[in-house]
Amino acid sequence: MTMRRLMIVAALVGAMAVFLVYMHSRITRVGFRITELSQQEQKLVDQVRSLNVQVTRLHQPDVIQKQVERLRIDLMRAPEPSMKKKPAPQ
């Protein structure tokens, strides 16, 4: 082989090596990002589960009653339904 062909082959091999290193680093970065996102997803799933438990608990009448008493909220009673008929529109 001539010196020129050896240089071309060496340049191609070098370019392929640089490309492989670049691809390996990209794959590694993507793997780390997937791990981070998976951990974030798990935290959010746990948070949703916890919030659903809290919502269920807060919908219970005894919990509502305790909050009303603790906050000293005066609840209004529903007005009695009126027996009077409304006049028919003309």
C-alpha atoms as a PDB file:
ATOM      1  CA  MET A   1       0.000   0.000   0.000  1.00  0.00           C
ATOM      2  CA  THR A   2       1.112   3.460  -0.612  1.00  0.00           C
ATOM      3  CA  MET A   3       1.575   6.006   2.108  1.00  0.00           C
ATOM      4  CA  ARG A   4      -1.496   7.917   0.918  1.00  0.00           C
ATOM      5  CA  ARG A   5      -3.779   4.868   1.255  1.00  0.00           C
ATOM      6  CA  LEU A   6      -2.419   4.170   4.745  1.00  0.00           C
ATOM      7  CA  MET A   7      -3.208   7.741   5.785  1.00  0.00           C
ATOM      8  CA  ILE A   8      -6.749   7.479   4.388  1.00  0.00           C
ATOM      9  CA  VAL A   9      -7.347   4.179   6.193  1.00  0.00           C
ATOM     10  CA  ALA A  10      -5.898   5.620   9.414  1.00  0.00           C
ATOM     11  CA  ALA A  11      -8.124   8.708   9.089  1.00  0.00           C
ATOM     12  CA  LEU A  12     -11.206   6.517   8.549  1.00  0.00           C
ATOM     13  CA  VAL A  13     -10.334   4.313  11.517  1.00  0.00           C
ATOM     14  CA  GLY A  14      -9.746   7.425  13.643  1.00  0.00           C
ATOM     15  CA  ALA A  15     -13.064   8.946  12.548  1.00  0.00           C
ATOM     16  CA  MET A  16     -14.863   5.697  13.373  1.00  0.00           C
ATOM     17  CA  ALA A  17     -13.187   5.609  16.798  1.00  0.00           C
ATOM     18  CA  VAL A  18     -14.261   9.201  17.524  1.00  0.00           C
ATOM     19  CA  PHE A  19     -17.808   8.378  16.387  1.00  0.00           C
ATOM     20  CA  LEU A  20     -17.952   5.297  18.620  1.00  0.00           C
ATOM     21  CA  VAL A  21     -16.721   7.261  21.647  1.00  0.00           C
ATOM     22  CA  TYR A  22     -19.291   9.976  20.919  1.00  0.00           C
ATOM     23  CA  MET A  23     -22.128   7.433  20.616  1.00  0.00           C
ATOM     24  CA  HIS A  24     -21.039   5.675  23.807  1.00  0.00           C
ATOM     25  CA  SER A  25     -21.101   8.963  25.719  1.00  0.00           C
ATOM     26  CA  ARG A  26     -24.557   9.792  24.327  1.00  0.00           C
ATOM     27  CA  ILE A  27     -25.899   6.376  25.291  1.00  0.00           C
ATOM     28  CA  THR A  28     -24.446   6.749  28.792  1.00  0.00           C
ATOM     29  CA  ARG A  29     -26.015  10.216  29.167  1.00  0.00           C
ATOM     30  CA  VAL A  30     -29.393   8.924  28.013  1.00  0.00           C
ATOM     31  CA  GLY A  31     -29.132   6.046  30.491  1.00  0.00           C
ATOM     32  CA  PHE A  32     -28.500   8.460  33.364  1.00  0.00           C
ATOM     33  CA  ARG A  33     -31.422  10.614  32.262  1.00  0.00           C
ATOM     34  CA  ILE A  34     -33.716   7.581  32.135  1.00  0.00           C
ATOM     35  CA  THR A  35     -32.652   6.677  35.674  1.00  0.00           C
ATOM     36  CA  GLU A  36     -33.356  10.216  36.897  1.00  0.00           C
ATOM     37  CA  LEU A  37     -36.772  10.279  35.240  1.00  0.00           C
ATOM     38  CA  SER A  38     -37.659   6.844  36.623  1.00  0.00           C
ATOM     39  CA  GLN A  39     -36.811   8.013  40.138  1.00  0.00           C
ATOM     40  CA  GLN A  40     -38.854  11.178  39.633  1.00  0.00           C
ATOM     41  CA  GLU A  41     -41.769   9.114  38.331  1.00  0.00           C
ATOM     42  CA  GLN A  42     -41.649   6.861  41.402  1.00  0.00           C
ATOM     43  CA  LYS A  43     -41.648   9.896  43.719  1.00  0.00           C
ATOM     44  CA  LEU A  44     -44.655  11.334  41.887  1.00  0.00           C
ATOM     45  CA  VAL A  45     -46.519   8.006  42.006  1.00  0.00           C
ATOM     46  CA  ASP A  46     -45.888   7.841  45.770  1.00  0.00           C
ATOM     47  CA  GLN A  47     -47.041  11.439  46.147  1.00  0.00           C
ATOM     48  CA  VAL A  48     -50.265  10.749  44.202  1.00  0.00           C
ATOM     49  CA  ARG A  49     -50.934   7.686  46.340  1.00  0.00           C
ATOM     50  CA  SER A  50     -50.414   9.722  49.513  1.00  0.00           C
ATOM     51  CA  LEU A  51     -52.656  12.528  48.274  1.00  0.00           C
ATOM     52  CA  ASN A  52     -55.406  10.060  47.342  1.00  0.00           C
ATOM     53  CA  VAL A  53     -55.311   8.657  50.871  1.00  0.00           C
ATOM     54  CA  GLN A  54     -55.517  12.196  52.247  1.00  0.00           C
ATOM     55  CA  VAL A  55     -58.471  13.069  49.979  1.00  0.00           C
ATOM     56  CA  THR A  56     -60.314   9.931  51.048  1.00  0.00           C
ATOM     57  CA  ARG A  57     -59.682  10.776  54.699  1.00  0.00           C
ATOM     58  CA  LEU A  58     -60.802  14.383  54.292  1.00  0.00           C
ATOM     59  CA  HIS A  59     -64.091  13.303  52.684  1.00  0.00           C
ATOM     60  CA  GLN A  60     -65.110  11.396  55.822  1.00  0.00           C
ATOM     61  CA  PRO A  61     -67.921  13.150  57.714  1.00  0.00           C
ATOM     62  CA  ASP A  62     -66.289  12.781  61.142  1.00  0.00           C
ATOM     63  CA  VAL A  63     -63.110  14.454  59.878  1.00  0.00           C
ATOM     64  CA  ILE A  64     -65.168  17.278  58.376  1.00  0.00           C
ATOM     65  CA  GLN A  65     -67.047  17.685  61.651  1.00  0.00           C
ATOM     66  CA  LYS A  66     -63.796  17.858  63.635  1.00  0.00           C
ATOM     67  CA  GLN A  67     -62.429  20.511  61.275  1.00  0.00           C
ATOM     68  CA  VAL A  68     -65.637  22.533  61.588  1.00  0.00           C
ATOM     69  CA  GLU A  69     -65.413  22.372  65.372  1.00  0.00           C
ATOM     70  CA  ARG A  70     -61.700  23.148  65.424  1.00  0.00           C
ATOM     71  CA  LEU A  71     -62.097  26.161  63.129  1.00  0.00           C
ATOM     72  CA  ARG A  72     -65.317  27.246  64.883  1.00  0.00           C
ATOM     73  CA  ILE A  73     -67.206  27.554  61.636  1.00  0.00           C
ATOM     74  CA  ASP A  74     -70.924  28.245  61.897  1.00  0.00           C
ATOM     75  CA  LEU A  75     -72.608  26.147  59.273  1.00  0.00           C
ATOM     76  CA  MET A  76     -75.822  27.480  57.859  1.00  0.00           C
ATOM     77  CA  ARG A  77     -78.781  25.192  57.708  1.00  0.00           C
ATOM     78  CA  ALA A  78     -80.438  24.659  54.370  1.00  0.00           C
ATOM     79  CA  PRO A  79     -83.541  26.818  54.000  1.00  0.00           C
ATOM     80  CA  GLU A  80     -86.859  25.064  54.244  1.00  0.00           C
ATOM     81  CA  PRO A  81     -88.445  24.541  50.850  1.00  0.00           C
ATOM     82  CA  SER A  82     -91.229  26.998  50.190  1.00  0.00           C
ATOM     83  CA  MET A  83     -94.685  25.637  49.503  1.00  0.00           C
ATOM     84  CA  LYS A  84     -95.727  28.742  47.589  1.00  0.00           C
ATOM     85  CA  LYS A  85     -95.942  28.375  43.856  1.00  0.00           C
ATOM     86  CA  LYS A  86     -94.209  30.885  41.713  1.00  0.00           C
ATOM     87  CA  PRO A  87     -96.507  32.841  39.430  1.00  0.00           C
ATOM     88  CA  ALA A  88     -96.624  31.511  35.908  1.00  0.00           C
ATOM     89  CA  PRO A  89     -94.791  33.705  33.398  1.00  0.00           C
ATOM     90  CA  GLN A  90     -97.084  35.607  31.069  1.00  0.00           C
END
